[in-house]
Amino acid sequence: MPKTPLQTPLHQLYDEDFVRWVEATVACLKTRDIDQLDWEGLIEEIEDLGKSARRELESRISVLLVHLLKRCYVNSPDDYRGWQLTIVEQRNALKRLLKQSPSLKTYFQNVLDEVYQDALTEASTAYPLGEFPAEYSFSRELAALLADEFWD
């Protein structure tokens, strides 16, 4: 079957209309038309997929840690339920993300201390009178972080 040239080259579509670029790229991939592919754009987008997953992991860990810090170190019983619901929500989302991309478990260990410092800053800003630990105080085991209650 002869290949039909694209009306607009894919590299041009990438900047002009991203959705059309995606559709045309998928069409080229399905027909194995590698000659018309925008290789640079395709490489960039695939790299961004991995970065996006890592950003999501960092974001969810941060939200989880902020709420664990508040639940464990802020004496505000009226807020406990809401914080615990957020903890459950983030844990469930993290479990799904790690099931889809198990290699992120290694990345988790690499960013835990940095993400904790950001979470600590956020919790300390929200509760300036709170006494939060300067160093990471929860389990470093991923399974424990995703399941254990660290409060009394």
C-alpha atoms as a PDB file:
ATOM      1  CA  MET A   1       0.000   0.000   0.000  1.00  0.00           C
ATOM      2  CA  PRO A   2       1.557   3.341  -1.023  1.00  0.00           C
ATOM      3  CA  LYS A   3       2.218   5.887   1.675  1.00  0.00           C
ATOM      4  CA  THR A   4       0.322   9.160   1.518  1.00  0.00           C
ATOM      5  CA  PRO A   5       2.461  12.195   2.317  1.00  0.00           C
ATOM      6  CA  LEU A   6       1.186  14.372   5.134  1.00  0.00           C
ATOM      7  CA  GLN A   7      -0.177  17.765   4.153  1.00  0.00           C
ATOM      8  CA  THR A   8       1.747  19.360   7.006  1.00  0.00           C
ATOM      9  CA  PRO A   9       5.041  17.845   8.145  1.00  0.00           C
ATOM     10  CA  LEU A  10       4.840  16.368  11.637  1.00  0.00           C
ATOM     11  CA  HIS A  11       7.656  18.536  13.001  1.00  0.00           C
ATOM     12  CA  GLN A  12       5.635  21.602  11.960  1.00  0.00           C
ATOM     13  CA  LEU A  13       2.408  20.227  13.477  1.00  0.00           C
ATOM     14  CA  TYR A  14       4.195  19.688  16.772  1.00  0.00           C
ATOM     15  CA  ASP A  15       4.378  23.451  17.311  1.00  0.00           C
ATOM     16  CA  GLU A  16       1.143  24.424  15.523  1.00  0.00           C
ATOM     17  CA  ASP A  17      -1.423  21.867  16.747  1.00  0.00           C
ATOM     18  CA  PHE A  18      -0.294  19.325  19.287  1.00  0.00           C
ATOM     19  CA  VAL A  19      -3.468  17.201  19.152  1.00  0.00           C
ATOM     20  CA  ARG A  20      -3.191  16.890  15.366  1.00  0.00           C
ATOM     21  CA  TRP A  21       0.500  16.027  15.821  1.00  0.00           C
ATOM     22  CA  VAL A  22      -0.449  13.215  18.230  1.00  0.00           C
ATOM     23  CA  GLU A  23      -3.141  11.884  15.878  1.00  0.00           C
ATOM     24  CA  ALA A  24      -0.821  11.978  12.859  1.00  0.00           C
ATOM     25  CA  THR A  25       2.016  10.389  14.856  1.00  0.00           C
ATOM     26  CA  VAL A  26      -0.262   7.561  15.986  1.00  0.00           C
ATOM     27  CA  ALA A  27      -1.393   7.046  12.390  1.00  0.00           C
ATOM     28  CA  CYS A  28       2.231   6.856  11.229  1.00  0.00           C
ATOM     29  CA  LEU A  29       3.089   4.395  13.983  1.00  0.00           C
ATOM     30  CA  LYS A  30       0.082   2.188  13.207  1.00  0.00           C
ATOM     31  CA  THR A  31       1.024   2.011   9.534  1.00  0.00           C
ATOM     32  CA  ARG A  32       4.741   1.660  10.359  1.00  0.00           C
ATOM     33  CA  ASP A  33       5.422   4.808   8.338  1.00  0.00           C
ATOM     34  CA  ILE A  34       8.688   5.717   9.986  1.00  0.00           C
ATOM     35  CA  ASP A  35       9.785   8.049   7.200  1.00  0.00           C
ATOM     36  CA  GLN A  36       7.277  10.757   8.149  1.00  0.00           C
ATOM     37  CA  LEU A  37       7.685  10.532  11.914  1.00  0.00           C
ATOM     38  CA  ASP A  38       8.860  13.560  13.831  1.00  0.00           C
ATOM     39  CA  TRP A  39      11.548  11.672  15.723  1.00  0.00           C
ATOM     40  CA  GLU A  40      12.690  14.609  17.848  1.00  0.00           C
ATOM     41  CA  GLY A  41       9.154  15.422  18.963  1.00  0.00           C
ATOM     42  CA  LEU A  42       8.373  11.771  19.619  1.00  0.00           C
ATOM     43  CA  ILE A  43      11.519  11.336  21.715  1.00  0.00           C
ATOM     44  CA  GLU A  44      10.734  14.497  23.676  1.00  0.00           C
ATOM     45  CA  GLU A  45       7.183  13.360  24.422  1.00  0.00           C
ATOM     46  CA  ILE A  46       8.240   9.897  25.530  1.00  0.00           C
ATOM     47  CA  GLU A  47      10.859  11.420  27.829  1.00  0.00           C
ATOM     48  CA  ASP A  48       8.170  13.723  29.226  1.00  0.00           C
ATOM     49  CA  LEU A  49       5.959  10.730  30.039  1.00  0.00           C
ATOM     50  CA  GLY A  50       8.601   9.427  32.435  1.00  0.00           C
ATOM     51  CA  LYS A  51       9.114  12.874  33.926  1.00  0.00           C
ATOM     52  CA  SER A  52       5.373  13.243  34.415  1.00  0.00           C
ATOM     53  CA  ALA A  53       5.155   9.975  36.337  1.00  0.00           C
ATOM     54  CA  ARG A  54       8.056  11.040  38.571  1.00  0.00           C
ATOM     55  CA  ARG A  55       6.437  14.447  39.194  1.00  0.00           C
ATOM     56  CA  GLU A  56       3.173  12.731  40.127  1.00  0.00           C
ATOM     57  CA  LEU A  57       5.019  10.442  42.547  1.00  0.00           C
ATOM     58  CA  GLU A  58       6.783  13.400  44.166  1.00  0.00           C
ATOM     59  CA  SER A  59       3.559  15.384  44.416  1.00  0.00           C
ATOM     60  CA  ARG A  60       1.588  12.541  45.989  1.00  0.00           C
ATOM     61  CA  ILE A  61       4.382  11.742  48.457  1.00  0.00           C
ATOM     62  CA  SER A  62       4.535  15.408  49.400  1.00  0.00           C
ATOM     63  CA  VAL A  63       0.790  15.648  50.058  1.00  0.00           C
ATOM     64  CA  LEU A  64       0.945  12.396  52.019  1.00  0.00           C
ATOM     65  CA  LEU A  65       3.842  13.622  54.156  1.00  0.00           C
ATOM     66  CA  VAL A  66       2.273  17.026  54.816  1.00  0.00           C
ATOM     67  CA  HIS A  67      -0.860  15.330  56.118  1.00  0.00           C
ATOM     68  CA  LEU A  68       1.096  12.754  58.113  1.00  0.00           C
ATOM     69  CA  LEU A  69       3.046  15.598  59.720  1.00  0.00           C
ATOM     70  CA  LYS A  70      -0.133  17.479  60.558  1.00  0.00           C
ATOM     71  CA  ARG A  71      -1.880  14.370  61.875  1.00  0.00           C
ATOM     72  CA  CYS A  72       1.080  13.321  64.014  1.00  0.00           C
ATOM     73  CA  TYR A  73       2.325  16.687  65.265  1.00  0.00           C
ATOM     74  CA  VAL A  74      -0.587  19.131  65.291  1.00  0.00           C
ATOM     75  CA  ASN A  75      -3.020  18.833  68.179  1.00  0.00           C
ATOM     76  CA  SER A  76      -6.268  19.604  66.356  1.00  0.00           C
ATOM     77  CA  PRO A  77      -8.722  16.700  66.833  1.00  0.00           C
ATOM     78  CA  ASP A  78     -11.387  18.441  64.744  1.00  0.00           C
ATOM     79  CA  ASP A  79      -9.060  18.164  61.734  1.00  0.00           C
ATOM     80  CA  TYR A  80      -7.896  14.567  62.218  1.00  0.00           C
ATOM     81  CA  ARG A  81     -10.608  12.970  60.100  1.00  0.00           C
ATOM     82  CA  GLY A  82      -9.937  15.213  57.091  1.00  0.00           C
ATOM     83  CA  TRP A  83      -6.194  14.674  57.326  1.00  0.00           C
ATOM     84  CA  GLN A  84      -6.682  10.910  57.612  1.00  0.00           C
ATOM     85  CA  LEU A  85      -8.967  10.883  54.567  1.00  0.00           C
ATOM     86  CA  THR A  86      -6.295  12.705  52.548  1.00  0.00           C
ATOM     87  CA  ILE A  87      -3.687  10.217  53.796  1.00  0.00           C
ATOM     88  CA  VAL A  88      -5.858   7.317  52.601  1.00  0.00           C
ATOM     89  CA  GLU A  89      -6.525   9.014  49.253  1.00  0.00           C
ATOM     90  CA  GLN A  90      -2.827   9.665  48.586  1.00  0.00           C
ATOM     91  CA  ARG A  91      -1.812   6.181  49.676  1.00  0.00           C
ATOM     92  CA  ASN A  92      -4.355   4.608  47.315  1.00  0.00           C
ATOM     93  CA  ALA A  93      -3.204   6.785  44.419  1.00  0.00           C
ATOM     94  CA  LEU A  94       0.443   5.969  45.153  1.00  0.00           C
ATOM     95  CA  LYS A  95      -0.309   2.249  45.219  1.00  0.00           C
ATOM     96  CA  ARG A  96      -1.976   2.485  41.797  1.00  0.00           C
ATOM     97  CA  LEU A  97       0.885   4.552  40.372  1.00  0.00           C
ATOM     98  CA  LEU A  98       3.510   2.132  41.690  1.00  0.00           C
ATOM     99  CA  LYS A  99       1.562  -0.834  40.360  1.00  0.00           C
ATOM    100  CA  GLN A 100       1.579   0.754  36.888  1.00  0.00           C
ATOM    101  CA  SER A 101       5.260   1.748  37.128  1.00  0.00           C
ATOM    102  CA  PRO A 102       7.128  -0.423  39.655  1.00  0.00           C
ATOM    103  CA  SER A 103      10.454   1.176  38.722  1.00  0.00           C
ATOM    104  CA  LEU A 104       9.282   4.315  40.544  1.00  0.00           C
ATOM    105  CA  LYS A 105       9.942   2.478  43.833  1.00  0.00           C
ATOM    106  CA  THR A 106      13.656   3.132  43.367  1.00  0.00           C
ATOM    107  CA  TYR A 107      12.967   6.765  42.505  1.00  0.00           C
ATOM    108  CA  PHE A 108      10.895   7.032  45.704  1.00  0.00           C
ATOM    109  CA  GLN A 109      13.970   6.236  47.813  1.00  0.00           C
ATOM    110  CA  ASN A 110      16.062   8.758  45.874  1.00  0.00           C
ATOM    111  CA  VAL A 111      13.713  11.711  46.434  1.00  0.00           C
ATOM    112  CA  LEU A 112      12.250  10.957  49.854  1.00  0.00           C
ATOM    113  CA  ASP A 113      14.482  13.308  51.862  1.00  0.00           C
ATOM    114  CA  GLU A 114      14.094  16.192  49.423  1.00  0.00           C
ATOM    115  CA  VAL A 115      10.324  15.777  49.241  1.00  0.00           C
ATOM    116  CA  TYR A 116      10.183  15.562  53.036  1.00  0.00           C
ATOM    117  CA  GLN A 117      11.928  18.928  53.345  1.00  0.00           C
ATOM    118  CA  ASP A 118       9.336  20.492  51.033  1.00  0.00           C
ATOM    119  CA  ALA A 119       6.507  18.868  53.005  1.00  0.00           C
ATOM    120  CA  LEU A 120       8.066  20.080  56.248  1.00  0.00           C
ATOM    121  CA  THR A 121       8.216  23.624  54.903  1.00  0.00           C
ATOM    122  CA  GLU A 122       4.554  23.458  53.911  1.00  0.00           C
ATOM    123  CA  ALA A 123       3.415  22.017  57.250  1.00  0.00           C
ATOM    124  CA  SER A 124       5.545  24.500  59.204  1.00  0.00           C
ATOM    125  CA  THR A 125       4.146  27.394  57.221  1.00  0.00           C
ATOM    126  CA  ALA A 126       0.569  26.257  57.854  1.00  0.00           C
ATOM    127  CA  TYR A 127       1.260  25.630  61.550  1.00  0.00           C
ATOM    128  CA  PRO A 128       4.167  27.868  62.603  1.00  0.00           C
ATOM    129  CA  LEU A 129       3.755  26.923  66.274  1.00  0.00           C
ATOM    130  CA  GLY A 130       3.921  23.212  65.482  1.00  0.00           C
ATOM    131  CA  GLU A 131       6.954  21.227  66.552  1.00  0.00           C
ATOM    132  CA  PHE A 132       7.808  19.130  63.515  1.00  0.00           C
ATOM    133  CA  PRO A 133      10.915  16.937  63.273  1.00  0.00           C
ATOM    134  CA  ALA A 134      13.614  18.539  61.130  1.00  0.00           C
ATOM    135  CA  GLU A 135      14.658  15.133  59.809  1.00  0.00           C
ATOM    136  CA  TYR A 136      12.465  12.462  58.252  1.00  0.00           C
ATOM    137  CA  SER A 137      10.843  10.524  61.114  1.00  0.00           C
ATOM    138  CA  PHE A 138       8.542   7.997  59.410  1.00  0.00           C
ATOM    139  CA  SER A 139       9.476   4.560  58.147  1.00  0.00           C
ATOM    140  CA  ARG A 140      11.631   4.547  55.019  1.00  0.00           C
ATOM    141  CA  GLU A 141      10.005   1.299  53.984  1.00  0.00           C
ATOM    142  CA  LEU A 142       7.556   2.054  51.215  1.00  0.00           C
ATOM    143  CA  ALA A 143       5.081  -0.601  52.387  1.00  0.00           C
ATOM    144  CA  ALA A 144       4.983   0.930  55.866  1.00  0.00           C
ATOM    145  CA  LEU A 145       4.594   4.469  54.540  1.00  0.00           C
ATOM    146  CA  LEU A 146       1.639   3.278  52.470  1.00  0.00           C
ATOM    147  CA  ALA A 147      -0.071   1.419  55.312  1.00  0.00           C
ATOM    148  CA  ASP A 148       1.010   2.251  58.863  1.00  0.00           C
ATOM    149  CA  GLU A 149      -0.663   4.697  61.226  1.00  0.00           C
ATOM    150  CA  PHE A 150       2.154   6.715  62.689  1.00  0.00           C
ATOM    151  CA  TRP A 151      -0.031   8.516  65.194  1.00  0.00           C
ATOM    152  CA  ASP A 152      -1.215   7.260  68.586  1.00  0.00           C
END
